[in-house]
Amino acid sequence: MNGNLKYEGEYLNGKRNGNGKEYDLYGQLKFEGEYLYGQKRKGKEYLDERLEYEGEYLFLKKWDGKGFDENGRIIYELKNGNGTIKEYNDNNILIFEGEYLNGKRNGKGKEYDYDGNIDFEGEYLNGKRNGNGKEYYMSGNLKYEGEYLNGKRNGKGKEYNRNGELIYEGLYLNGKIHKI
């Protein structure tokens, strides 16, 4: 769109296949390595021109590899998709940090909005919010604390307005207030 190179490398049947390099909107190297049927297979991922991850991918998820901080130190390792991980958006802003199991969010973690503000902290199961958690307003004030099931508010919970005042305490079902 802005005239910068997006990808250079091998294709097969119209899909990235073989060795290639992917670039971000600003022309900086984002990924170099092997592709298979249009998906990353193995290689190096960069963040602001520094190595951020090196390893293998499975179904578009980091699988077996190591993540690095800005000083080149290893900050996480994944084996068969298990470990702790940090995810970034296309603007290199942290959007998730937490535990992974089988390539998905499982265990404790934190989500951030696209400005880097905390949005959610709590428990995950199979990539979705599950268990106890807290949601936050952009200001950092607590918005909701309670139980989740399959990514939605389910069970007991408390909801707060932007000023921190309790506005509802009770049950939720499929993400909505459930009055009996």
Protein backbone atom coordinates (compact mmCIF):
# COMPACT_ATOMS: atom_id res chain seq x y z
CA MET A 1 0.00 0.00 0.00
CA ASN A 2 2.79 2.46 0.88
CA GLY A 3 5.21 1.09 -1.71
CA ASN A 4 7.33 -0.91 0.75
CA LEU A 5 8.19 -4.51 0.02
CA LYS A 6 5.87 -6.88 1.90
CA TYR A 7 7.33 -10.29 0.99
CA GLU A 8 10.11 -11.77 -1.07
CA GLY A 9 10.61 -15.46 -1.50
CA GLU A 10 9.39 -18.68 -3.01
CA TYR A 11 5.81 -19.57 -3.90
CA LEU A 12 4.06 -22.78 -4.87
CA ASN A 13 0.50 -22.78 -6.22
CA GLY A 14 0.07 -19.13 -5.23
CA LYS A 15 1.13 -19.65 -1.60
CA ARG A 16 4.34 -18.91 0.22
CA ASN A 17 6.30 -22.13 0.16
CA GLY A 18 10.02 -22.48 0.82
CA ASN A 19 12.37 -19.74 1.97
CA GLY A 20 11.15 -16.18 2.27
CA LYS A 21 11.25 -12.86 4.07
CA GLU A 22 8.27 -10.86 5.34
CA TYR A 23 8.39 -7.13 6.08
CA ASP A 24 6.21 -4.83 8.20
CA LEU A 25 4.42 -1.67 7.01
CA TYR A 26 7.62 0.35 7.44
CA GLY A 27 9.81 -1.98 5.39
CA GLN A 28 11.54 -3.55 8.41
CA LEU A 29 12.24 -7.27 8.40
CA LYS A 30 9.50 -9.04 10.36
CA PHE A 31 10.20 -12.72 9.60
CA GLU A 32 12.73 -14.76 7.67
CA GLY A 33 12.62 -18.49 7.28
CA GLU A 34 10.67 -21.36 5.81
CA TYR A 35 7.03 -21.35 4.76
CA LEU A 36 4.90 -24.39 4.06
CA TYR A 37 1.55 -24.04 2.24
CA GLY A 38 1.42 -20.32 3.03
CA GLN A 39 2.19 -20.63 6.75
CA LYS A 40 5.35 -20.01 8.75
CA ARG A 41 7.14 -23.28 9.40
CA LYS A 42 10.53 -22.40 10.90
CA GLY A 43 12.57 -19.23 11.20
CA LYS A 44 13.33 -15.98 12.95
CA GLU A 45 10.80 -13.32 13.94
CA TYR A 46 11.93 -9.72 14.46
CA LEU A 47 10.51 -6.84 16.49
CA ASP A 48 11.92 -3.36 15.73
CA GLU A 49 14.78 -4.99 13.81
CA ARG A 50 15.88 -7.16 16.74
CA LEU A 51 15.49 -10.91 17.05
CA GLU A 52 12.35 -11.60 19.10
CA TYR A 53 11.76 -15.33 18.43
CA GLU A 54 13.60 -18.17 16.76
CA GLY A 55 12.10 -21.57 16.24
CA GLU A 56 9.28 -23.59 14.73
CA TYR A 57 5.60 -22.84 14.20
CA LEU A 58 2.59 -25.14 14.07
CA PHE A 59 -0.79 -23.92 12.78
CA LEU A 60 0.37 -20.26 12.89
CA LYS A 61 1.45 -20.55 16.54
CA LYS A 62 4.93 -20.44 18.02
CA TRP A 63 5.68 -24.06 18.88
CA ASP A 64 9.30 -25.04 19.56
CA GLY A 65 11.67 -22.15 20.07
CA LYS A 66 13.08 -19.32 22.13
CA GLY A 67 12.02 -15.73 22.69
CA PHE A 68 14.49 -12.92 23.34
CA ASP A 69 14.39 -9.54 25.10
CA GLU A 70 15.87 -6.30 23.72
CA ASN A 71 19.31 -7.30 25.08
CA GLY A 72 19.27 -10.69 23.34
CA ARG A 73 18.63 -12.66 26.53
CA ILE A 74 16.27 -15.64 26.39
CA ILE A 75 13.01 -14.69 28.12
CA TYR A 76 11.01 -17.81 27.28
CA GLU A 77 11.26 -21.21 25.70
CA LEU A 78 8.49 -23.23 24.18
CA LYS A 79 8.52 -27.00 23.81
CA ASN A 80 5.60 -28.46 21.85
CA GLY A 81 3.74 -25.16 22.33
CA ASN A 82 4.14 -25.13 26.11
CA GLY A 83 5.71 -22.41 28.26
CA THR A 84 5.26 -18.69 28.81
CA ILE A 85 5.01 -16.24 25.96
CA LYS A 86 4.58 -12.60 24.96
CA GLU A 87 2.48 -11.64 21.92
CA TYR A 88 2.78 -8.30 20.10
CA ASN A 89 0.55 -6.54 17.57
CA ASP A 90 1.76 -5.17 14.22
CA ASN A 91 2.79 -1.91 15.94
CA ASN A 92 5.10 -3.90 18.28
CA ILE A 93 2.90 -3.26 21.33
CA LEU A 94 2.54 -6.07 23.86
CA ILE A 95 -1.01 -7.50 23.68
CA PHE A 96 -0.63 -10.69 25.77
CA GLU A 97 1.77 -12.24 28.24
CA GLY A 98 1.14 -15.50 30.01
CA GLU A 99 1.20 -19.27 29.99
CA TYR A 100 0.81 -21.48 26.92
CA LEU A 101 -0.07 -25.14 26.68
CA ASN A 102 -0.39 -26.96 23.35
CA GLY A 103 0.10 -23.67 21.50
CA LYS A 104 -2.84 -21.89 23.17
CA ARG A 105 -3.37 -19.59 26.13
CA ASN A 106 -3.72 -21.89 29.13
CA GLY A 107 -3.16 -20.85 32.72
CA LYS A 108 -2.61 -17.32 34.00
CA GLY A 109 -2.16 -14.39 31.66
CA LYS A 110 -2.71 -10.70 30.92
CA GLU A 111 -4.21 -9.01 27.85
CA TYR A 112 -3.41 -5.44 26.82
CA ASP A 113 -5.24 -3.09 24.46
CA TYR A 114 -3.60 -1.59 21.37
CA ASP A 115 -2.26 1.32 23.44
CA GLY A 116 -0.53 -1.03 25.90
CA ASN A 117 -3.04 -0.58 28.74
CA ILE A 118 -4.05 -3.66 30.73
CA ASP A 119 -7.42 -4.93 29.54
CA PHE A 120 -7.75 -8.29 31.31
CA GLU A 121 -5.87 -10.48 33.76
CA GLY A 122 -6.91 -13.92 34.79
CA GLU A 123 -7.13 -17.54 33.78
CA TYR A 124 -7.36 -19.16 30.34
CA LEU A 125 -8.30 -22.58 29.04
CA ASN A 126 -7.84 -23.62 25.41
CA GLY A 127 -7.17 -20.03 24.35
CA LYS A 128 -10.26 -18.50 26.01
CA ARG A 129 -10.91 -16.70 29.27
CA ASN A 130 -11.91 -19.41 31.72
CA GLY A 131 -11.98 -19.28 35.51
CA ASN A 132 -11.46 -16.13 37.57
CA GLY A 133 -10.49 -12.86 35.98
CA LYS A 134 -10.61 -9.07 36.00
CA GLU A 135 -11.41 -6.59 33.22
CA TYR A 136 -10.18 -3.00 33.26
CA TYR A 137 -11.15 0.33 31.73
CA MET A 138 -8.50 2.16 29.69
CA SER A 139 -7.91 4.34 32.77
CA GLY A 140 -6.79 1.24 34.68
CA ASN A 141 -9.87 1.22 36.93
CA LEU A 142 -11.50 -2.13 37.56
CA LYS A 143 -14.48 -2.80 35.26
CA TYR A 144 -15.42 -6.39 36.21
CA GLU A 145 -14.16 -9.14 38.47
CA GLY A 146 -15.59 -12.61 38.50
CA GLU A 147 -15.94 -15.91 36.73
CA TYR A 148 -15.58 -16.75 33.02
CA LEU A 149 -16.48 -19.77 30.91
CA ASN A 150 -15.53 -20.18 27.24
CA GLY A 151 -14.43 -16.56 26.96
CA LYS A 152 -17.60 -14.99 28.43
CA ARG A 153 -18.70 -13.82 31.84
CA ASN A 154 -20.40 -16.81 33.48
CA GLY A 155 -21.10 -17.27 37.17
CA LYS A 156 -20.66 -14.83 40.02
CA GLY A 157 -19.28 -11.40 39.27
CA LYS A 158 -19.12 -7.73 40.13
CA GLU A 159 -19.30 -4.85 37.66
CA TYR A 160 -18.04 -1.33 38.32
CA ASN A 161 -18.54 2.02 36.61
CA ARG A 162 -15.62 4.18 35.41
CA ASN A 163 -15.42 5.86 38.84
CA GLY A 164 -14.92 2.54 40.62
CA GLU A 165 -18.41 2.35 42.10
CA LEU A 166 -20.09 -1.06 42.23
CA ILE A 167 -23.06 -1.08 39.83
CA TYR A 168 -23.96 -4.79 39.83
CA GLU A 169 -23.18 -7.87 41.89
CA GLY A 170 -24.70 -11.19 40.99
CA LEU A 171 -24.85 -13.84 38.30
CA TYR A 172 -23.82 -13.72 34.63
CA LEU A 173 -24.78 -16.15 31.90
CA ASN A 174 -23.14 -16.15 28.45
CA GLY A 175 -21.70 -12.69 29.04
CA LYS A 176 -24.93 -11.03 30.20
CA ILE A 177 -26.46 -10.23 33.56
CA HIS A 178 -28.66 -13.14 34.62
CA LYS A 179 -31.45 -12.26 37.03
CA ILE A 180 -33.38 -15.08 38.56
